[in-house]
Amino acid sequence: MSKGMIFSLEIAFPPPHSSVVNDFEHNIEQALASTENQGEMTDADSVGTVGSPDCGDMMRMWLKFSEKDGKRVIDRASFQAFGCQTAIAVASVATKLLQGKTAEEARNLSPQDLAGDLGTLPPMKIHCGQLVEGALRNALDPSDTTEAPQKSSLLGDISSQKPSAIRIIPIEG
């Protein structure tokens, strides 16, 4: 290696599984075609609002509780969203998943849990699940003023993946 040579680092990530991506996109389309529980709930017991300045998404979630078998459970949930299709689809699925859950059970749901049958959220869409989670947590604990987790930077998303190969390429200078 001669003095003064410049090197470039090339990292190869495993190729995305196209069938998984296609399945996820299909599931999003299906969820959007039959969006449920969208809109304000005038008789809600609790309302949570959260927004992500990184992407401009905003989410509001309403919760209505009832007594069932001596427990206070979520009877209904609805949402309003200003955001991408994935955020709307996750919110729609989440409102159905929340029915019958106690506040504690709902608090323990992860963004991926809230996405339900949509499938695994791709790294660039994890913030959609986090947005729904943030609105839910804010509705469950209105005194919690914590913002929804921010969308990872591109480097943050890349660093969470394991490369399949690393190659150092000399650049002629």
N, C-alpha and C. Protein backbone atom coordinates (compact mmCIF):
# COMPACT_ATOMS: atom_id res chain seq x y z
N MET A 1 0.84 -1.16 0.00
CA MET A 1 0.00 0.00 0.00
C MET A 1 0.90 1.23 0.00
N SER A 2 0.71 2.09 -0.96
CA SER A 2 1.56 3.28 -1.02
C SER A 2 0.96 4.40 -0.18
N LYS A 3 1.85 5.26 0.30
CA LYS A 3 1.43 6.37 1.13
C LYS A 3 0.58 7.33 0.30
N GLY A 4 -0.51 7.81 0.87
CA GLY A 4 -1.36 8.77 0.18
C GLY A 4 -2.51 8.14 -0.58
N MET A 5 -2.65 6.80 -0.56
CA MET A 5 -3.78 6.16 -1.24
C MET A 5 -5.05 6.41 -0.43
N ILE A 6 -6.14 6.60 -1.10
CA ILE A 6 -7.44 6.79 -0.47
C ILE A 6 -8.25 5.52 -0.70
N PHE A 7 -8.96 5.11 0.31
CA PHE A 7 -9.77 3.90 0.20
C PHE A 7 -11.24 4.23 0.40
N SER A 8 -12.06 3.43 -0.22
CA SER A 8 -13.50 3.52 -0.06
C SER A 8 -13.96 2.23 0.59
N LEU A 9 -14.89 2.32 1.48
CA LEU A 9 -15.44 1.14 2.15
C LEU A 9 -16.81 0.86 1.56
N GLU A 10 -17.00 -0.34 1.08
CA GLU A 10 -18.29 -0.72 0.50
C GLU A 10 -18.87 -1.82 1.38
N ILE A 11 -20.08 -1.60 1.87
CA ILE A 11 -20.74 -2.59 2.72
C ILE A 11 -21.93 -3.15 1.95
N ALA A 12 -21.98 -4.46 1.86
CA ALA A 12 -23.09 -5.11 1.16
C ALA A 12 -24.06 -5.68 2.18
N PHE A 13 -25.33 -5.31 2.06
CA PHE A 13 -26.37 -5.84 2.92
C PHE A 13 -27.11 -6.94 2.17
N PRO A 14 -27.66 -7.88 2.93
CA PRO A 14 -28.43 -8.93 2.25
C PRO A 14 -29.56 -8.30 1.45
N PRO A 15 -29.84 -8.83 0.26
CA PRO A 15 -30.91 -8.24 -0.55
C PRO A 15 -32.25 -8.41 0.15
N PRO A 16 -33.15 -7.41 0.00
CA PRO A 16 -34.45 -7.54 0.63
C PRO A 16 -35.20 -8.71 -0.01
N HIS A 17 -35.95 -9.40 0.80
CA HIS A 17 -36.73 -10.53 0.28
C HIS A 17 -37.96 -9.96 -0.42
N SER A 18 -37.96 -10.01 -1.71
CA SER A 18 -39.02 -9.36 -2.47
C SER A 18 -40.40 -9.90 -2.13
N SER A 19 -40.50 -11.19 -1.83
CA SER A 19 -41.82 -11.72 -1.49
C SER A 19 -42.31 -11.14 -0.18
N VAL A 20 -41.39 -10.92 0.78
CA VAL A 20 -41.77 -10.32 2.05
C VAL A 20 -42.21 -8.88 1.84
N VAL A 21 -41.45 -8.12 1.04
CA VAL A 21 -41.79 -6.73 0.75
C VAL A 21 -43.12 -6.68 0.02
N ASN A 22 -43.30 -7.54 -0.97
CA ASN A 22 -44.56 -7.56 -1.72
C ASN A 22 -45.73 -7.93 -0.82
N ASP A 23 -45.54 -8.90 0.09
CA ASP A 23 -46.60 -9.28 1.02
C ASP A 23 -46.96 -8.11 1.93
N PHE A 24 -45.94 -7.41 2.44
CA PHE A 24 -46.19 -6.27 3.32
C PHE A 24 -46.97 -5.19 2.57
N GLU A 25 -46.53 -4.86 1.35
CA GLU A 25 -47.23 -3.84 0.56
C GLU A 25 -48.66 -4.26 0.26
N HIS A 26 -48.86 -5.53 -0.02
CA HIS A 26 -50.21 -6.05 -0.28
C HIS A 26 -51.07 -5.91 0.99
N ASN A 27 -50.50 -6.25 2.13
CA ASN A 27 -51.23 -6.15 3.40
C ASN A 27 -51.60 -4.70 3.71
N ILE A 28 -50.71 -3.77 3.39
CA ILE A 28 -51.01 -2.33 3.59
C ILE A 28 -52.17 -1.92 2.69
N GLU A 29 -52.12 -2.33 1.42
CA GLU A 29 -53.21 -2.01 0.48
C GLU A 29 -54.53 -2.56 0.97
N GLN A 30 -54.52 -3.80 1.47
CA GLN A 30 -55.75 -4.42 1.98
C GLN A 30 -56.28 -3.66 3.19
N ALA A 31 -55.39 -3.28 4.09
CA ALA A 31 -55.81 -2.55 5.29
C ALA A 31 -56.40 -1.19 4.92
N LEU A 32 -55.81 -0.53 3.93
CA LEU A 32 -56.30 0.79 3.51
C LEU A 32 -57.64 0.69 2.79
N ALA A 33 -57.86 -0.43 2.11
CA ALA A 33 -59.12 -0.63 1.40
C ALA A 33 -60.28 -0.80 2.37
N SER A 34 -59.99 -1.23 3.58
CA SER A 34 -61.06 -1.44 4.57
C SER A 34 -60.67 -0.82 5.91
N THR A 35 -60.22 0.43 5.87
CA THR A 35 -59.81 1.14 7.08
C THR A 35 -60.98 1.20 8.06
N GLU A 36 -60.69 0.84 9.30
CA GLU A 36 -61.73 0.86 10.33
C GLU A 36 -61.36 1.83 11.43
N ASN A 37 -62.40 2.28 12.13
CA ASN A 37 -62.23 3.10 13.33
C ASN A 37 -61.53 4.42 13.08
N GLN A 38 -61.72 4.96 11.91
CA GLN A 38 -61.09 6.24 11.58
C GLN A 38 -62.08 7.36 11.91
N GLY A 39 -61.61 8.35 12.64
CA GLY A 39 -62.44 9.50 12.95
C GLY A 39 -62.55 9.74 14.44
N GLU A 40 -63.03 10.92 14.76
CA GLU A 40 -63.16 11.35 16.15
C GLU A 40 -64.23 10.53 16.88
N MET A 41 -63.98 10.27 18.16
CA MET A 41 -64.94 9.59 19.01
C MET A 41 -65.41 10.62 20.04
N THR A 42 -66.64 11.07 19.91
CA THR A 42 -67.12 12.16 20.76
C THR A 42 -67.30 11.76 22.22
N ASP A 43 -67.54 10.47 22.50
CA ASP A 43 -67.76 10.05 23.88
C ASP A 43 -66.54 9.34 24.48
N ALA A 44 -65.37 9.62 23.95
CA ALA A 44 -64.14 8.95 24.41
C ALA A 44 -63.83 9.30 25.86
N ASP A 45 -63.22 8.36 26.55
CA ASP A 45 -62.76 8.59 27.92
C ASP A 45 -61.36 9.20 27.93
N SER A 46 -60.64 9.01 26.84
CA SER A 46 -59.25 9.45 26.79
C SER A 46 -58.84 9.74 25.35
N VAL A 47 -57.97 10.73 25.19
CA VAL A 47 -57.46 11.10 23.87
C VAL A 47 -55.95 11.29 23.97
N GLY A 48 -55.22 10.76 22.99
CA GLY A 48 -53.78 10.95 22.94
C GLY A 48 -53.36 11.50 21.59
N THR A 49 -52.46 12.44 21.60
CA THR A 49 -51.98 13.05 20.36
C THR A 49 -50.47 13.05 20.37
N VAL A 50 -49.89 12.75 19.22
CA VAL A 50 -48.44 12.74 19.09
C VAL A 50 -48.09 13.12 17.65
N GLY A 51 -46.91 13.69 17.48
CA GLY A 51 -46.45 14.05 16.15
C GLY A 51 -44.96 13.83 16.01
N SER A 52 -44.54 13.62 14.78
CA SER A 52 -43.13 13.42 14.49
C SER A 52 -42.64 14.54 13.58
N PRO A 53 -41.84 15.47 14.10
CA PRO A 53 -41.35 16.56 13.27
C PRO A 53 -40.45 16.09 12.12
N ASP A 54 -39.79 14.92 12.28
CA ASP A 54 -38.91 14.43 11.23
C ASP A 54 -39.66 14.17 9.93
N CYS A 55 -40.85 13.58 10.04
CA CYS A 55 -41.55 13.21 8.81
C CYS A 55 -42.85 13.96 8.64
N GLY A 56 -43.29 14.72 9.64
CA GLY A 56 -44.52 15.50 9.52
C GLY A 56 -45.78 14.73 9.88
N ASP A 57 -45.66 13.47 10.28
CA ASP A 57 -46.82 12.67 10.63
C ASP A 57 -47.41 13.13 11.96
N MET A 58 -48.73 13.08 12.07
CA MET A 58 -49.44 13.38 13.31
C MET A 58 -50.47 12.28 13.52
N MET A 59 -50.69 11.90 14.78
CA MET A 59 -51.65 10.85 15.08
C MET A 59 -52.42 11.24 16.33
N ARG A 60 -53.73 11.04 16.29
CA ARG A 60 -54.57 11.23 17.47
C ARG A 60 -55.37 9.95 17.65
N MET A 61 -55.42 9.47 18.90
CA MET A 61 -56.15 8.24 19.19
C MET A 61 -57.12 8.48 20.34
N TRP A 62 -58.35 7.99 20.17
CA TRP A 62 -59.39 8.07 21.18
C TRP A 62 -59.63 6.68 21.74
N LEU A 63 -59.85 6.60 23.06
CA LEU A 63 -60.14 5.33 23.72
C LEU A 63 -61.41 5.45 24.54
N LYS A 64 -62.24 4.42 24.46
CA LYS A 64 -63.46 4.31 25.26
C LYS A 64 -63.34 3.02 26.06
N PHE A 65 -63.48 3.12 27.39
CA PHE A 65 -63.35 1.97 28.28
C PHE A 65 -64.71 1.46 28.73
N SER A 66 -64.75 0.19 29.10
CA SER A 66 -65.95 -0.40 29.70
C SER A 66 -65.49 -1.44 30.73
N GLU A 67 -66.42 -1.88 31.55
CA GLU A 67 -66.13 -2.92 32.54
C GLU A 67 -66.47 -4.28 31.93
N LYS A 68 -65.53 -5.23 32.05
CA LYS A 68 -65.76 -6.58 31.56
C LYS A 68 -65.10 -7.54 32.55
N ASP A 69 -65.89 -8.41 33.13
CA ASP A 69 -65.39 -9.38 34.10
C ASP A 69 -64.60 -8.71 35.23
N GLY A 70 -65.10 -7.57 35.69
CA GLY A 70 -64.46 -6.87 36.80
C GLY A 70 -63.21 -6.09 36.43
N LYS A 71 -62.91 -6.01 35.14
CA LYS A 71 -61.73 -5.27 34.69
C LYS A 71 -62.16 -4.11 33.79
N ARG A 72 -61.39 -3.04 33.86
CA ARG A 72 -61.61 -1.90 32.96
C ARG A 72 -60.82 -2.18 31.69
N VAL A 73 -61.54 -2.37 30.57
CA VAL A 73 -60.89 -2.72 29.30
C VAL A 73 -61.25 -1.69 28.22
N ILE A 74 -60.45 -1.67 27.19
CA ILE A 74 -60.72 -0.80 26.05
C ILE A 74 -61.88 -1.41 25.27
N ASP A 75 -62.96 -0.68 25.19
CA ASP A 75 -64.15 -1.13 24.47
C ASP A 75 -64.04 -0.76 22.99
N ARG A 76 -63.59 0.47 22.75
CA ARG A 76 -63.44 0.97 21.37
C ARG A 76 -62.22 1.88 21.31
N ALA A 77 -61.64 1.94 20.13
CA ALA A 77 -60.54 2.88 19.87
C ALA A 77 -60.75 3.43 18.47
N SER A 78 -60.43 4.69 18.29
CA SER A 78 -60.49 5.28 16.94
C SER A 78 -59.28 6.20 16.78
N PHE A 79 -59.06 6.66 15.55
CA PHE A 79 -57.88 7.48 15.29
C PHE A 79 -58.13 8.46 14.16
N GLN A 80 -57.32 9.48 14.14
CA GLN A 80 -57.18 10.38 12.99
C GLN A 80 -55.69 10.47 12.73
N ALA A 81 -55.33 10.44 11.46
CA ALA A 81 -53.91 10.46 11.11
C ALA A 81 -53.65 11.43 9.99
N PHE A 82 -52.56 12.13 10.12
CA PHE A 82 -52.01 12.92 9.04
C PHE A 82 -50.64 12.31 8.82
N GLY A 83 -50.55 11.45 7.82
CA GLY A 83 -49.29 10.76 7.61
C GLY A 83 -49.35 9.81 6.44
N CYS A 84 -48.37 8.97 6.37
CA CYS A 84 -48.25 8.05 5.24
C CYS A 84 -49.26 6.90 5.36
N GLN A 85 -49.39 6.16 4.30
CA GLN A 85 -50.34 5.06 4.24
C GLN A 85 -50.04 4.00 5.29
N THR A 86 -48.78 3.74 5.54
CA THR A 86 -48.42 2.72 6.53
C THR A 86 -48.88 3.13 7.92
N ALA A 87 -48.72 4.39 8.29
CA ALA A 87 -49.17 4.87 9.60
C ALA A 87 -50.67 4.71 9.74
N ILE A 88 -51.41 5.02 8.68
CA ILE A 88 -52.87 4.87 8.70
C ILE A 88 -53.25 3.40 8.83
N ALA A 89 -52.59 2.54 8.08
CA ALA A 89 -52.88 1.10 8.14
C ALA A 89 -52.57 0.53 9.52
N VAL A 90 -51.42 0.90 10.10
CA VAL A 90 -51.05 0.40 11.43
C VAL A 90 -52.07 0.88 12.45
N ALA A 91 -52.48 2.14 12.38
CA ALA A 91 -53.46 2.68 13.33
C ALA A 91 -54.79 1.93 13.21
N SER A 92 -55.23 1.65 11.99
CA SER A 92 -56.48 0.92 11.78
C SER A 92 -56.41 -0.47 12.40
N VAL A 93 -55.32 -1.18 12.14
CA VAL A 93 -55.13 -2.52 12.69
C VAL A 93 -55.05 -2.44 14.22
N ALA A 94 -54.32 -1.47 14.74
CA ALA A 94 -54.13 -1.34 16.19
C ALA A 94 -55.45 -1.11 16.91
N THR A 95 -56.34 -0.29 16.33
CA THR A 95 -57.61 0.00 17.01
C THR A 95 -58.43 -1.28 17.18
N LYS A 96 -58.30 -2.20 16.27
CA LYS A 96 -59.01 -3.49 16.39
C LYS A 96 -58.32 -4.37 17.44
N LEU A 97 -56.97 -4.38 17.45
CA LEU A 97 -56.22 -5.19 18.41
C LEU A 97 -56.44 -4.75 19.86
N LEU A 98 -56.69 -3.46 20.05
CA LEU A 98 -56.81 -2.91 21.40
C LEU A 98 -58.11 -3.31 22.09
N GLN A 99 -59.13 -3.65 21.33
CA GLN A 99 -60.43 -3.98 21.93
C GLN A 99 -60.30 -5.16 22.89
N GLY A 100 -60.80 -4.94 24.12
CA GLY A 100 -60.78 -5.98 25.12
C GLY A 100 -59.51 -6.01 25.97
N LYS A 101 -58.55 -5.16 25.67
CA LYS A 101 -57.29 -5.13 26.43
C LYS A 101 -57.41 -4.14 27.59
N THR A 102 -56.75 -4.48 28.69
CA THR A 102 -56.66 -3.53 29.80
C THR A 102 -55.63 -2.46 29.42
N ALA A 103 -55.61 -1.38 30.19
CA ALA A 103 -54.62 -0.33 29.93
C ALA A 103 -53.21 -0.90 30.05
N GLU A 104 -52.99 -1.75 31.03
CA GLU A 104 -51.66 -2.34 31.23
C GLU A 104 -51.27 -3.22 30.04
N GLU A 105 -52.19 -4.04 29.56
CA GLU A 105 -51.90 -4.88 28.39
C GLU A 105 -51.60 -4.01 27.17
N ALA A 106 -52.35 -2.93 27.00
CA ALA A 106 -52.13 -2.02 25.86
C ALA A 106 -50.77 -1.35 25.96
N ARG A 107 -50.39 -0.94 27.18
CA ARG A 107 -49.08 -0.29 27.39
C ARG A 107 -47.92 -1.20 27.01
N ASN A 108 -48.11 -2.50 27.14
CA ASN A 108 -47.04 -3.46 26.86
C ASN A 108 -46.92 -3.84 25.39
N LEU A 109 -47.78 -3.30 24.54
CA LEU A 109 -47.70 -3.62 23.11
C LEU A 109 -46.59 -2.81 22.44
N SER A 110 -45.79 -3.47 21.66
CA SER A 110 -44.71 -2.80 20.92
C SER A 110 -45.26 -2.26 19.61
N PRO A 111 -44.51 -1.40 18.94
CA PRO A 111 -44.94 -0.94 17.61
C PRO A 111 -45.21 -2.11 16.66
N GLN A 112 -44.38 -3.14 16.73
CA GLN A 112 -44.57 -4.30 15.86
C GLN A 112 -45.85 -5.05 16.24
N ASP A 113 -46.13 -5.17 17.55
CA ASP A 113 -47.37 -5.80 17.99
C ASP A 113 -48.58 -5.04 17.43
N LEU A 114 -48.51 -3.72 17.48
CA LEU A 114 -49.62 -2.89 17.01
C LEU A 114 -49.85 -3.03 15.51
N ALA A 115 -48.82 -3.44 14.76
CA ALA A 115 -48.95 -3.63 13.31
C ALA A 115 -49.70 -4.92 12.99
N GLY A 116 -49.80 -5.81 13.96
CA GLY A 116 -50.60 -7.02 13.80
C GLY A 116 -50.27 -7.83 12.56
N ASP A 117 -51.30 -8.18 11.81
CA ASP A 117 -51.16 -9.04 10.63
C ASP A 117 -50.57 -8.33 9.41
N LEU A 118 -50.22 -7.05 9.55
CA LEU A 118 -49.59 -6.37 8.41
C LEU A 118 -48.24 -6.99 8.09
N GLY A 119 -47.61 -7.57 9.09
CA GLY A 119 -46.29 -8.17 8.91
C GLY A 119 -45.23 -7.30 9.54
N THR A 120 -44.00 -7.75 9.40
CA THR A 120 -42.87 -7.04 9.97
C THR A 120 -42.70 -5.68 9.30
N LEU A 121 -42.63 -4.64 10.12
CA LEU A 121 -42.43 -3.30 9.59
C LEU A 121 -41.00 -3.17 9.06
N PRO A 122 -40.84 -2.73 7.80
CA PRO A 122 -39.49 -2.52 7.29
C PRO A 122 -38.80 -1.40 8.07
N PRO A 123 -37.47 -1.39 8.11
CA PRO A 123 -36.75 -0.36 8.89
C PRO A 123 -37.21 1.06 8.60
N MET A 124 -37.53 1.36 7.35
CA MET A 124 -37.93 2.73 7.02
C MET A 124 -39.36 3.04 7.44
N LYS A 125 -40.11 2.04 7.94
CA LYS A 125 -41.50 2.24 8.35
C LYS A 125 -41.72 1.99 9.84
N ILE A 126 -40.66 1.70 10.58
CA ILE A 126 -40.79 1.45 12.01
C ILE A 126 -41.39 2.67 12.71
N HIS A 127 -41.05 3.87 12.23
CA HIS A 127 -41.58 5.08 12.86
C HIS A 127 -43.10 5.15 12.78
N CYS A 128 -43.72 4.46 11.81
CA CYS A 128 -45.19 4.45 11.71
C CYS A 128 -45.79 3.72 12.91
N GLY A 129 -45.20 2.59 13.26
CA GLY A 129 -45.65 1.87 14.45
C GLY A 129 -45.36 2.66 15.71
N GLN A 130 -44.23 3.36 15.74
CA GLN A 130 -43.88 4.16 16.91
C GLN A 130 -44.84 5.34 17.07
N LEU A 131 -45.33 5.88 15.97
CA LEU A 131 -46.28 6.98 16.02
C LEU A 131 -47.59 6.51 16.65
N VAL A 132 -48.07 5.34 16.24
CA VAL A 132 -49.29 4.77 16.81
C VAL A 132 -49.07 4.46 18.30
N GLU A 133 -47.92 3.87 18.61
CA GLU A 133 -47.59 3.57 20.00
C GLU A 133 -47.57 4.85 20.84
N GLY A 134 -47.00 5.91 20.31
CA GLY A 134 -46.93 7.18 21.04
C GLY A 134 -48.31 7.76 21.32
N ALA A 135 -49.21 7.72 20.34
CA ALA A 135 -50.57 8.23 20.54
C ALA A 135 -51.31 7.38 21.57
N LEU A 136 -51.12 6.06 21.49
CA LEU A 136 -51.76 5.16 22.46
C LEU A 136 -51.25 5.45 23.87
N ARG A 137 -49.94 5.54 24.03
CA ARG A 137 -49.37 5.79 25.36
C ARG A 137 -49.83 7.15 25.90
N ASN A 138 -49.94 8.14 25.03
CA ASN A 138 -50.39 9.45 25.45
C ASN A 138 -51.86 9.40 25.88
N ALA A 139 -52.67 8.59 25.19
CA ALA A 139 -54.08 8.43 25.58
C ALA A 139 -54.20 7.69 26.91
N LEU A 140 -53.31 6.73 27.14
CA LEU A 140 -53.35 5.96 28.38
C LEU A 140 -52.81 6.75 29.56
N ASP A 141 -51.90 7.69 29.30
CA ASP A 141 -51.30 8.50 30.35
C ASP A 141 -51.14 9.93 29.83
N PRO A 142 -52.23 10.71 29.85
CA PRO A 142 -52.18 12.07 29.29
C PRO A 142 -51.12 12.97 29.91
N SER A 143 -50.65 12.64 31.13
CA SER A 143 -49.61 13.47 31.74
C SER A 143 -48.24 13.20 31.13
N ASP A 144 -48.14 12.12 30.35
CA ASP A 144 -46.87 11.79 29.69
C ASP A 144 -46.73 12.70 28.47
N THR A 145 -45.79 13.61 28.53
CA THR A 145 -45.62 14.56 27.43
C THR A 145 -44.46 14.17 26.53
N THR A 146 -44.00 12.93 26.66
CA THR A 146 -42.88 12.47 25.83
C THR A 146 -43.32 12.38 24.39
N GLU A 147 -42.48 12.87 23.51
CA GLU A 147 -42.75 12.76 22.07
C GLU A 147 -42.64 11.31 21.64
N ALA A 148 -43.25 10.99 20.50
CA ALA A 148 -43.07 9.65 19.93
C ALA A 148 -41.61 9.50 19.56
N PRO A 149 -41.08 8.28 19.64
CA PRO A 149 -39.68 8.09 19.25
C PRO A 149 -39.45 8.62 17.84
N GLN A 150 -38.35 9.29 17.66
CA GLN A 150 -38.05 9.89 16.37
C GLN A 150 -37.60 8.84 15.37
N LYS A 151 -37.89 9.10 14.12
CA LYS A 151 -37.47 8.22 13.05
C LYS A 151 -35.95 8.17 13.03
N SER A 152 -35.42 6.99 12.88
CA SER A 152 -33.96 6.84 12.84
C SER A 152 -33.41 7.51 11.59
N SER A 153 -32.19 7.97 11.70
CA SER A 153 -31.52 8.49 10.52
C SER A 153 -31.17 7.31 9.62
N LEU A 154 -30.81 7.58 8.40
CA LEU A 154 -30.42 6.51 7.48
C LEU A 154 -29.29 5.69 8.08
N LEU A 155 -28.31 6.37 8.70
CA LEU A 155 -27.19 5.65 9.30
C LEU A 155 -27.67 4.79 10.46
N GLY A 156 -28.66 5.27 11.21
CA GLY A 156 -29.20 4.48 12.31
C GLY A 156 -29.85 3.21 11.80
N ASP A 157 -30.60 3.31 10.71
CA ASP A 157 -31.24 2.13 10.15
C ASP A 157 -30.21 1.16 9.62
N ILE A 158 -29.18 1.66 8.96
CA ILE A 158 -28.16 0.79 8.39
C ILE A 158 -27.38 0.10 9.50
N SER A 159 -27.06 0.85 10.56
CA SER A 159 -26.24 0.26 11.61
C SER A 159 -26.96 -0.84 12.36
N SER A 160 -28.30 -0.88 12.29
CA SER A 160 -29.02 -1.94 12.98
C SER A 160 -29.06 -3.23 12.17
N GLN A 161 -28.64 -3.17 10.91
CA GLN A 161 -28.60 -4.36 10.07
C GLN A 161 -27.19 -4.93 10.09
N LYS A 162 -27.09 -6.23 9.94
CA LYS A 162 -25.78 -6.87 9.90
C LYS A 162 -25.36 -7.04 8.44
N PRO A 163 -24.21 -6.50 8.06
CA PRO A 163 -23.75 -6.66 6.68
C PRO A 163 -23.39 -8.10 6.39
N SER A 164 -23.59 -8.50 5.13
CA SER A 164 -23.22 -9.85 4.73
C SER A 164 -21.78 -9.89 4.23
N ALA A 165 -21.23 -8.73 3.84
CA ALA A 165 -19.84 -8.67 3.37
C ALA A 165 -19.33 -7.24 3.48
N ILE A 166 -18.03 -7.10 3.73
CA ILE A 166 -17.39 -5.79 3.73
C ILE A 166 -16.20 -5.88 2.80
N ARG A 167 -16.10 -4.92 1.91
CA ARG A 167 -14.99 -4.87 0.97
C ARG A 167 -14.33 -3.51 1.01
N ILE A 168 -13.01 -3.47 1.00
CA ILE A 168 -12.28 -2.21 0.94
C ILE A 168 -11.77 -2.06 -0.49
N ILE A 169 -12.12 -0.93 -1.10
CA ILE A 169 -11.78 -0.72 -2.51
C ILE A 169 -10.85 0.49 -2.60
N PRO A 170 -9.64 0.31 -3.16
CA PRO A 170 -8.75 1.47 -3.30
C PRO A 170 -9.29 2.42 -4.36
N ILE A 171 -9.19 3.71 -4.11
CA ILE A 171 -9.59 4.73 -5.08
C ILE A 171 -8.32 5.40 -5.54
N GLU A 172 -8.14 5.40 -6.83
CA GLU A 172 -6.94 6.04 -7.38
C GLU A 172 -7.00 7.53 -7.12
N GLY A 173 -5.90 8.09 -6.63
CA GLY A 173 -5.94 9.51 -6.28
C GLY A 173 -4.85 10.30 -6.87
